[in-house]
Amino acid sequence: MTDLAHLATPGTEIAVRVTPKASRTAIRIEKDQIRVYVTTAPEGGKANAAVQKLLAKALGIAKSRLTLIRGQTARDKVFRVDG
């Protein structure tokens, strides 16, 4: 898994591009962009929850410290690390 611990500072906004219904769960950095692949379908916020959980694990923080601030229904999302 990609280590993103250097981004775990409170107040940091992390932009990600999400691919739901992927064949496997992964985080990759491609062309200076964080790409998150999750196997869940984008129904009822399940994919957002999976992205939040995976991103929190890569950051080494609790998922409750990540807040989705933009992109609730879009592939491009922005999460904020809370203190």
PDB file of N, CA and C in Angstrom:
ATOM      1  N   MET A   1       0.837  -1.183   0.000  1.00  0.00           N
ATOM      2  CA  MET A   1       0.000   0.000   0.000  1.00  0.00           C
ATOM      3  C   MET A   1       0.883   1.247   0.000  1.00  0.00           C
ATOM      4  N   THR A   2       0.421   2.260  -0.674  1.00  0.00           N
ATOM      5  CA  THR A   2       1.134   3.526  -0.743  1.00  0.00           C
ATOM      6  C   THR A   2       1.085   4.221   0.614  1.00  0.00           C
ATOM      7  N   ASP A   3       2.246   4.695   1.076  1.00  0.00           N
ATOM      8  CA  ASP A   3       2.325   5.371   2.369  1.00  0.00           C
ATOM      9  C   ASP A   3       2.120   6.868   2.155  1.00  0.00           C
ATOM     10  N   LEU A   4       1.072   7.417   2.737  1.00  0.00           N
ATOM     11  CA  LEU A   4       0.756   8.833   2.603  1.00  0.00           C
ATOM     12  C   LEU A   4       0.851   9.559   3.945  1.00  0.00           C
ATOM     13  N   ALA A   5       1.601   9.000   4.889  1.00  0.00           N
ATOM     14  CA  ALA A   5       1.684   9.552   6.239  1.00  0.00           C
ATOM     15  C   ALA A   5       2.170  11.010   6.253  1.00  0.00           C
ATOM     16  N   HIS A   6       2.955  11.397   5.255  1.00  0.00           N
ATOM     17  CA  HIS A   6       3.456  12.778   5.216  1.00  0.00           C
ATOM     18  C   HIS A   6       2.340  13.798   4.961  1.00  0.00           C
ATOM     19  N   LEU A   7       1.160  13.333   4.574  1.00  0.00           N
ATOM     20  CA  LEU A   7       0.015  14.221   4.334  1.00  0.00           C
ATOM     21  C   LEU A   7      -0.953  14.287   5.511  1.00  0.00           C
ATOM     22  N   ALA A   8      -0.614  13.626   6.614  1.00  0.00           N
ATOM     23  CA  ALA A   8      -1.545  13.499   7.734  1.00  0.00           C
ATOM     24  C   ALA A   8      -1.558  14.693   8.683  1.00  0.00           C
ATOM     25  N   THR A   9      -1.177  15.859   8.223  1.00  0.00           N
ATOM     26  CA  THR A   9      -1.183  17.066   9.043  1.00  0.00           C
ATOM     27  C   THR A   9      -2.605  17.653   9.094  1.00  0.00           C
ATOM     28  N   PRO A  10      -3.098  18.010  10.280  1.00  0.00           N
ATOM     29  CA  PRO A  10      -4.445  18.586  10.369  1.00  0.00           C
ATOM     30  C   PRO A  10      -4.595  19.811   9.470  1.00  0.00           C
ATOM     31  N   GLY A  11      -5.712  19.867   8.760  1.00  0.00           N
ATOM     32  CA  GLY A  11      -5.987  20.974   7.855  1.00  0.00           C
ATOM     33  C   GLY A  11      -5.592  20.695   6.413  1.00  0.00           C
ATOM     34  N   THR A  12      -4.850  19.638   6.172  1.00  0.00           N
ATOM     35  CA  THR A  12      -4.424  19.303   4.818  1.00  0.00           C
ATOM     36  C   THR A  12      -5.614  18.843   3.996  1.00  0.00           C
ATOM     37  N   GLU A  13      -5.718  19.356   2.771  1.00  0.00           N
ATOM     38  CA  GLU A  13      -6.758  18.912   1.856  1.00  0.00           C
ATOM     39  C   GLU A  13      -6.115  17.984   0.833  1.00  0.00           C
ATOM     40  N   ILE A  14      -6.702  16.808   0.655  1.00  0.00           N
ATOM     41  CA  ILE A  14      -6.151  15.785  -0.217  1.00  0.00           C
ATOM     42  C   ILE A  14      -7.127  15.538  -1.360  1.00  0.00           C
ATOM     43  N   ALA A  15      -6.690  15.835  -2.583  1.00  0.00           N
ATOM     44  CA  ALA A  15      -7.510  15.606  -3.765  1.00  0.00           C
ATOM     45  C   ALA A  15      -7.221  14.211  -4.298  1.00  0.00           C
ATOM     46  N   VAL A  16      -8.268  13.456  -4.572  1.00  0.00           N
ATOM     47  CA  VAL A  16      -8.117  12.103  -5.095  1.00  0.00           C
ATOM     48  C   VAL A  16      -9.061  11.906  -6.279  1.00  0.00           C
ATOM     49  N   ARG A  17      -8.691  10.983  -7.143  1.00  0.00           N
ATOM     50  CA  ARG A  17      -9.566  10.552  -8.244  1.00  0.00           C
ATOM     51  C   ARG A  17      -9.944   9.113  -7.952  1.00  0.00           C
ATOM     52  N   VAL A  18     -11.232   8.833  -7.903  1.00  0.00           N
ATOM     53  CA  VAL A  18     -11.729   7.530  -7.476  1.00  0.00           C
ATOM     54  C   VAL A  18     -12.216   6.708  -8.669  1.00  0.00           C
ATOM     55  N   THR A  19     -11.869   5.430  -8.654  1.00  0.00           N
ATOM     56  CA  THR A  19     -12.399   4.470  -9.615  1.00  0.00           C
ATOM     57  C   THR A  19     -13.175   3.417  -8.835  1.00  0.00           C
ATOM     58  N   PRO A  20     -14.512   3.506  -8.840  1.00  0.00           N
ATOM     59  CA  PRO A  20     -15.314   2.491  -8.156  1.00  0.00           C
ATOM     60  C   PRO A  20     -15.424   1.238  -9.015  1.00  0.00           C
ATOM     61  N   LYS A  21     -15.861   0.152  -8.401  1.00  0.00           N
ATOM     62  CA  LYS A  21     -16.044  -1.131  -9.077  1.00  0.00           C
ATOM     63  C   LYS A  21     -14.767  -1.609  -9.772  1.00  0.00           C
ATOM     64  N   ALA A  22     -13.625  -1.331  -9.162  1.00  0.00           N
ATOM     65  CA  ALA A  22     -12.342  -1.791  -9.700  1.00  0.00           C
ATOM     66  C   ALA A  22     -12.163  -3.273  -9.369  1.00  0.00           C
ATOM     67  N   SER A  23     -11.215  -3.900 -10.016  1.00  0.00           N
ATOM     68  CA  SER A  23     -10.991  -5.327  -9.770  1.00  0.00           C
ATOM     69  C   SER A  23     -10.318  -5.567  -8.426  1.00  0.00           C
ATOM     70  N   ARG A  24      -9.564  -4.565  -7.932  1.00  0.00           N
ATOM     71  CA  ARG A  24      -8.942  -4.691  -6.613  1.00  0.00           C
ATOM     72  C   ARG A  24      -8.829  -3.311  -5.964  1.00  0.00           C
ATOM     73  N   THR A  25      -8.678  -3.315  -4.661  1.00  0.00           N
ATOM     74  CA  THR A  25      -8.551  -2.084  -3.887  1.00  0.00           C
ATOM     75  C   THR A  25      -7.088  -1.668  -3.859  1.00  0.00           C
ATOM     76  N   ALA A  26      -6.826  -0.391  -4.185  1.00  0.00           N
ATOM     77  CA  ALA A  26      -5.445   0.085  -4.208  1.00  0.00           C
ATOM     78  C   ALA A  26      -5.410   1.604  -4.204  1.00  0.00           C
ATOM     79  N   ILE A  27      -4.249   2.132  -3.810  1.00  0.00           N
ATOM     80  CA  ILE A  27      -3.967   3.564  -3.930  1.00  0.00           C
ATOM     81  C   ILE A  27      -2.688   3.675  -4.734  1.00  0.00           C
ATOM     82  N   ARG A  28      -2.720   4.509  -5.763  1.00  0.00           N
ATOM     83  CA  ARG A  28      -1.534   4.719  -6.594  1.00  0.00           C
ATOM     84  C   ARG A  28      -1.354   6.204  -6.834  1.00  0.00           C
ATOM     85  N   ILE A  29      -0.109   6.605  -7.004  1.00  0.00           N
ATOM     86  CA  ILE A  29       0.180   7.986  -7.375  1.00  0.00           C
ATOM     87  C   ILE A  29       0.592   7.959  -8.840  1.00  0.00           C
ATOM     88  N   GLU A  30      -0.221   8.598  -9.667  1.00  0.00           N
ATOM     89  CA  GLU A  30       0.011   8.630 -11.106  1.00  0.00           C
ATOM     90  C   GLU A  30       0.019  10.070 -11.579  1.00  0.00           C
ATOM     91  N   LYS A  31       1.129  10.494 -12.171  1.00  0.00           N
ATOM     92  CA  LYS A  31       1.258  11.862 -12.700  1.00  0.00           C
ATOM     93  C   LYS A  31       0.896  12.909 -11.649  1.00  0.00           C
ATOM     94  N   ASP A  32       1.473  12.786 -10.459  1.00  0.00           N
ATOM     95  CA  ASP A  32       1.250  13.728  -9.353  1.00  0.00           C
ATOM     96  C   ASP A  32      -0.208  13.795  -8.902  1.00  0.00           C
ATOM     97  N   GLN A  33      -0.957  12.736  -9.123  1.00  0.00           N
ATOM     98  CA  GLN A  33      -2.352  12.669  -8.685  1.00  0.00           C
ATOM     99  C   GLN A  33      -2.553  11.370  -7.914  1.00  0.00           C
ATOM    100  N   ILE A  34      -3.294  11.450  -6.823  1.00  0.00           N
ATOM    101  CA  ILE A  34      -3.586  10.252  -6.030  1.00  0.00           C
ATOM    102  C   ILE A  34      -4.817   9.593  -6.633  1.00  0.00           C
ATOM    103  N   ARG A  35      -4.668   8.337  -7.035  1.00  0.00           N
ATOM    104  CA  ARG A  35      -5.766   7.554  -7.598  1.00  0.00           C
ATOM    105  C   ARG A  35      -6.146   6.482  -6.589  1.00  0.00           C
ATOM    106  N   VAL A  36      -7.432   6.383  -6.284  1.00  0.00           N
ATOM    107  CA  VAL A  36      -7.923   5.394  -5.336  1.00  0.00           C
ATOM    108  C   VAL A  36      -8.866   4.451  -6.088  1.00  0.00           C
ATOM    109  N   TYR A  37      -8.569   3.170  -6.011  1.00  0.00           N
ATOM    110  CA  TYR A  37      -9.387   2.144  -6.653  1.00  0.00           C
ATOM    111  C   TYR A  37     -10.087   1.349  -5.554  1.00  0.00           C
ATOM    112  N   VAL A  38     -11.415   1.261  -5.638  1.00  0.00           N
ATOM    113  CA  VAL A  38     -12.186   0.485  -4.663  1.00  0.00           C
ATOM    114  C   VAL A  38     -13.103  -0.483  -5.405  1.00  0.00           C
ATOM    115  N   THR A  39     -13.364  -1.610  -4.775  1.00  0.00           N
ATOM    116  CA  THR A  39     -14.185  -2.644  -5.405  1.00  0.00           C
ATOM    117  C   THR A  39     -15.682  -2.419  -5.218  1.00  0.00           C
ATOM    118  N   THR A  40     -16.055  -1.528  -4.339  1.00  0.00           N
ATOM    119  CA  THR A  40     -17.477  -1.293  -4.064  1.00  0.00           C
ATOM    120  C   THR A  40     -18.116  -0.417  -5.137  1.00  0.00           C
ATOM    121  N   ALA A  41     -19.421  -0.567  -5.287  1.00  0.00           N
ATOM    122  CA  ALA A  41     -20.182   0.221  -6.256  1.00  0.00           C
ATOM    123  C   ALA A  41     -20.565   1.567  -5.637  1.00  0.00           C
ATOM    124  N   PRO A  42     -20.696   2.584  -6.476  1.00  0.00           N
ATOM    125  CA  PRO A  42     -21.063   3.912  -5.955  1.00  0.00           C
ATOM    126  C   PRO A  42     -22.562   4.026  -5.685  1.00  0.00           C
ATOM    127  N   GLU A  43     -23.040   3.258  -4.726  1.00  0.00           N
ATOM    128  CA  GLU A  43     -24.461   3.264  -4.382  1.00  0.00           C
ATOM    129  C   GLU A  43     -24.629   3.591  -2.907  1.00  0.00           C
ATOM    130  N   GLY A  44     -25.390   4.621  -2.623  1.00  0.00           N
ATOM    131  CA  GLY A  44     -25.690   4.961  -1.246  1.00  0.00           C
ATOM    132  C   GLY A  44     -24.476   5.365  -0.418  1.00  0.00           C
ATOM    133  N   GLY A  45     -23.452   5.882  -1.055  1.00  0.00           N
ATOM    134  CA  GLY A  45     -22.269   6.331  -0.327  1.00  0.00           C
ATOM    135  C   GLY A  45     -21.301   5.224   0.065  1.00  0.00           C
ATOM    136  N   LYS A  46     -21.533   4.004  -0.413  1.00  0.00           N
ATOM    137  CA  LYS A  46     -20.655   2.888  -0.039  1.00  0.00           C
ATOM    138  C   LYS A  46     -19.243   3.067  -0.581  1.00  0.00           C
ATOM    139  N   ALA A  47     -19.118   3.566  -1.804  1.00  0.00           N
ATOM    140  CA  ALA A  47     -17.789   3.779  -2.377  1.00  0.00           C
ATOM    141  C   ALA A  47     -17.059   4.891  -1.624  1.00  0.00           C
ATOM    142  N   ASN A  48     -17.771   5.950  -1.244  1.00  0.00           N
ATOM    143  CA  ASN A  48     -17.147   7.032  -0.477  1.00  0.00           C
ATOM    144  C   ASN A  48     -16.614   6.518   0.855  1.00  0.00           C
ATOM    145  N   ALA A  49     -17.387   5.660   1.514  1.00  0.00           N
ATOM    146  CA  ALA A  49     -16.955   5.091   2.790  1.00  0.00           C
ATOM    147  C   ALA A  49     -15.723   4.213   2.601  1.00  0.00           C
ATOM    148  N   ALA A  50     -15.692   3.458   1.513  1.00  0.00           N
ATOM    149  CA  ALA A  50     -14.537   2.601   1.236  1.00  0.00           C
ATOM    150  C   ALA A  50     -13.290   3.431   0.947  1.00  0.00           C
ATOM    151  N   VAL A  51     -13.460   4.526   0.210  1.00  0.00           N
ATOM    152  CA  VAL A  51     -12.337   5.420  -0.091  1.00  0.00           C
ATOM    153  C   VAL A  51     -11.828   6.052   1.201  1.00  0.00           C
ATOM    154  N   GLN A  52     -12.737   6.512   2.046  1.00  0.00           N
ATOM    155  CA  GLN A  52     -12.356   7.132   3.317  1.00  0.00           C
ATOM    156  C   GLN A  52     -11.569   6.154   4.183  1.00  0.00           C
ATOM    157  N   LYS A  53     -12.022   4.924   4.267  1.00  0.00           N
ATOM    158  CA  LYS A  53     -11.360   3.906   5.072  1.00  0.00           C
ATOM    159  C   LYS A  53      -9.962   3.593   4.530  1.00  0.00           C
ATOM    160  N   LEU A  54      -9.850   3.421   3.212  1.00  0.00           N
ATOM    161  CA  LEU A  54      -8.569   3.095   2.590  1.00  0.00           C
ATOM    162  C   LEU A  54      -7.583   4.257   2.709  1.00  0.00           C
ATOM    163  N   LEU A  55      -8.064   5.467   2.484  1.00  0.00           N
ATOM    164  CA  LEU A  55      -7.213   6.650   2.580  1.00  0.00           C
ATOM    165  C   LEU A  55      -6.727   6.857   4.012  1.00  0.00           C
ATOM    166  N   ALA A  56      -7.597   6.652   4.986  1.00  0.00           N
ATOM    167  CA  ALA A  56      -7.212   6.790   6.395  1.00  0.00           C
ATOM    168  C   ALA A  56      -6.133   5.775   6.757  1.00  0.00           C
ATOM    169  N   LYS A  57      -6.260   4.561   6.251  1.00  0.00           N
ATOM    170  CA  LYS A  57      -5.251   3.532   6.523  1.00  0.00           C
ATOM    171  C   LYS A  57      -3.898   3.932   5.932  1.00  0.00           C
ATOM    172  N   ALA A  58      -3.900   4.463   4.711  1.00  0.00           N
ATOM    173  CA  ALA A  58      -2.660   4.896   4.064  1.00  0.00           C
ATOM    174  C   ALA A  58      -2.030   6.091   4.780  1.00  0.00           C
ATOM    175  N   LEU A  59      -2.880   6.935   5.384  1.00  0.00           N
ATOM    176  CA  LEU A  59      -2.389   8.104   6.121  1.00  0.00           C
ATOM    177  C   LEU A  59      -1.943   7.739   7.535  1.00  0.00           C
ATOM    178  N   GLY A  60      -2.421   6.608   8.033  1.00  0.00           N
ATOM    179  CA  GLY A  60      -2.098   6.196   9.391  1.00  0.00           C
ATOM    180  C   GLY A  60      -2.909   6.936  10.438  1.00  0.00           C
ATOM    181  N   ILE A  61      -4.141   7.301  10.084  1.00  0.00           N
ATOM    182  CA  ILE A  61      -5.017   8.019  11.009  1.00  0.00           C
ATOM    183  C   ILE A  61      -6.361   7.296  11.078  1.00  0.00           C
ATOM    184  N   ALA A  62      -7.197   7.708  12.039  1.00  0.00           N
ATOM    185  CA  ALA A  62      -8.548   7.149  12.155  1.00  0.00           C
ATOM    186  C   ALA A  62      -9.420   7.713  11.031  1.00  0.00           C
ATOM    187  N   LYS A  63     -10.328   6.895  10.517  1.00  0.00           N
ATOM    188  CA  LYS A  63     -11.171   7.371   9.419  1.00  0.00           C
ATOM    189  C   LYS A  63     -12.089   8.513   9.848  1.00  0.00           C
ATOM    190  N   SER A  64     -12.345   8.640  11.146  1.00  0.00           N
ATOM    191  CA  SER A  64     -13.173   9.736  11.644  1.00  0.00           C
ATOM    192  C   SER A  64     -12.467  11.089  11.518  1.00  0.00           C
ATOM    193  N   ARG A  65     -11.147  11.065  11.290  1.00  0.00           N
ATOM    194  CA  ARG A  65     -10.398  12.316  11.117  1.00  0.00           C
ATOM    195  C   ARG A  65     -10.392  12.797   9.675  1.00  0.00           C
ATOM    196  N   LEU A  66     -11.002  12.050   8.767  1.00  0.00           N
ATOM    197  CA  LEU A  66     -11.106  12.452   7.363  1.00  0.00           C
ATOM    198  C   LEU A  66     -12.531  12.906   7.067  1.00  0.00           C
ATOM    199  N   THR A  67     -12.649  14.074   6.457  1.00  0.00           N
ATOM    200  CA  THR A  67     -13.951  14.605   6.094  1.00  0.00           C
ATOM    201  C   THR A  67     -13.992  14.841   4.594  1.00  0.00           C
ATOM    202  N   LEU A  68     -15.019  14.328   3.949  1.00  0.00           N
ATOM    203  CA  LEU A  68     -15.217  14.577   2.523  1.00  0.00           C
ATOM    204  C   LEU A  68     -15.816  15.964   2.380  1.00  0.00           C
ATOM    205  N   ILE A  69     -15.066  16.882   1.763  1.00  0.00           N
ATOM    206  CA  ILE A  69     -15.557  18.257   1.665  1.00  0.00           C
ATOM    207  C   ILE A  69     -16.060  18.613   0.266  1.00  0.00           C
ATOM    208  N   ARG A  70     -15.603  17.883  -0.760  1.00  0.00           N
ATOM    209  CA  ARG A  70     -16.089  18.116  -2.121  1.00  0.00           C
ATOM    210  C   ARG A  70     -16.120  16.805  -2.888  1.00  0.00           C
ATOM    211  N   GLY A  71     -17.122  16.652  -3.763  1.00  0.00           N
ATOM    212  CA  GLY A  71     -17.169  15.510  -4.652  1.00  0.00           C
ATOM    213  C   GLY A  71     -17.987  14.342  -4.143  1.00  0.00           C
ATOM    214  N   GLN A  72     -19.041  14.601  -3.421  1.00  0.00           N
ATOM    215  CA  GLN A  72     -19.874  13.537  -2.860  1.00  0.00           C
ATOM    216  C   GLN A  72     -20.326  12.545  -3.931  1.00  0.00           C
ATOM    217  N   THR A  73     -20.696  13.049  -5.112  1.00  0.00           N
ATOM    218  CA  THR A  73     -21.178  12.173  -6.179  1.00  0.00           C
ATOM    219  C   THR A  73     -20.267  12.177  -7.403  1.00  0.00           C
ATOM    220  N   ALA A  74     -19.094  12.773  -7.296  1.00  0.00           N
ATOM    221  CA  ALA A  74     -18.162  12.858  -8.427  1.00  0.00           C
ATOM    222  C   ALA A  74     -16.982  11.905  -8.238  1.00  0.00           C
ATOM    223  N   ARG A  75     -16.246  11.661  -9.306  1.00  0.00           N
ATOM    224  CA  ARG A  75     -15.054  10.812  -9.222  1.00  0.00           C
ATOM    225  C   ARG A  75     -13.893  11.571  -8.594  1.00  0.00           C
ATOM    226  N   ASP A  76     -13.851  12.904  -8.779  1.00  0.00           N
ATOM    227  CA  ASP A  76     -12.818  13.737  -8.173  1.00  0.00           C
ATOM    228  C   ASP A  76     -13.334  14.208  -6.823  1.00  0.00           C
ATOM    229  N   LYS A  77     -12.596  13.866  -5.777  1.00  0.00           N
ATOM    230  CA  LYS A  77     -13.025  14.175  -4.411  1.00  0.00           C
ATOM    231  C   LYS A  77     -11.915  14.900  -3.670  1.00  0.00           C
ATOM    232  N   VAL A  78     -12.297  15.662  -2.661  1.00  0.00           N
ATOM    233  CA  VAL A  78     -11.335  16.337  -1.803  1.00  0.00           C
ATOM    234  C   VAL A  78     -11.688  15.984  -0.359  1.00  0.00           C
ATOM    235  N   PHE A  79     -10.707  15.428   0.343  1.00  0.00           N
ATOM    236  CA  PHE A  79     -10.846  15.089   1.768  1.00  0.00           C
ATOM    237  C   PHE A  79      -9.996  16.056   2.571  1.00  0.00           C
ATOM    238  N   ARG A  80     -10.451  16.396   3.786  1.00  0.00           N
ATOM    239  CA  ARG A  80      -9.679  17.233   4.702  1.00  0.00           C
ATOM    240  C   ARG A  80      -9.323  16.404   5.922  1.00  0.00           C
ATOM    241  N   VAL A  81      -8.074  16.541   6.365  1.00  0.00           N
ATOM    242  CA  VAL A  81      -7.619  15.878   7.584  1.00  0.00           C
ATOM    243  C   VAL A  81      -7.969  16.781   8.762  1.00  0.00           C
ATOM    244  N   ASP A  82      -8.771  16.282   9.695  1.00  0.00           N
ATOM    245  CA  ASP A  82      -9.173  17.057  10.863  1.00  0.00           C
ATOM    246  C   ASP A  82      -8.234  16.750  12.029  1.00  0.00           C
ATOM    247  N   GLY A  83      -8.140  17.720  12.926  1.00  0.00           N
ATOM    248  CA  GLY A  83      -7.267  17.576  14.090  1.00  0.00           C
ATOM    249  C   GLY A  83      -7.870  16.716  15.097  1.00  0.00           C
TER     250      GLY A  83
END
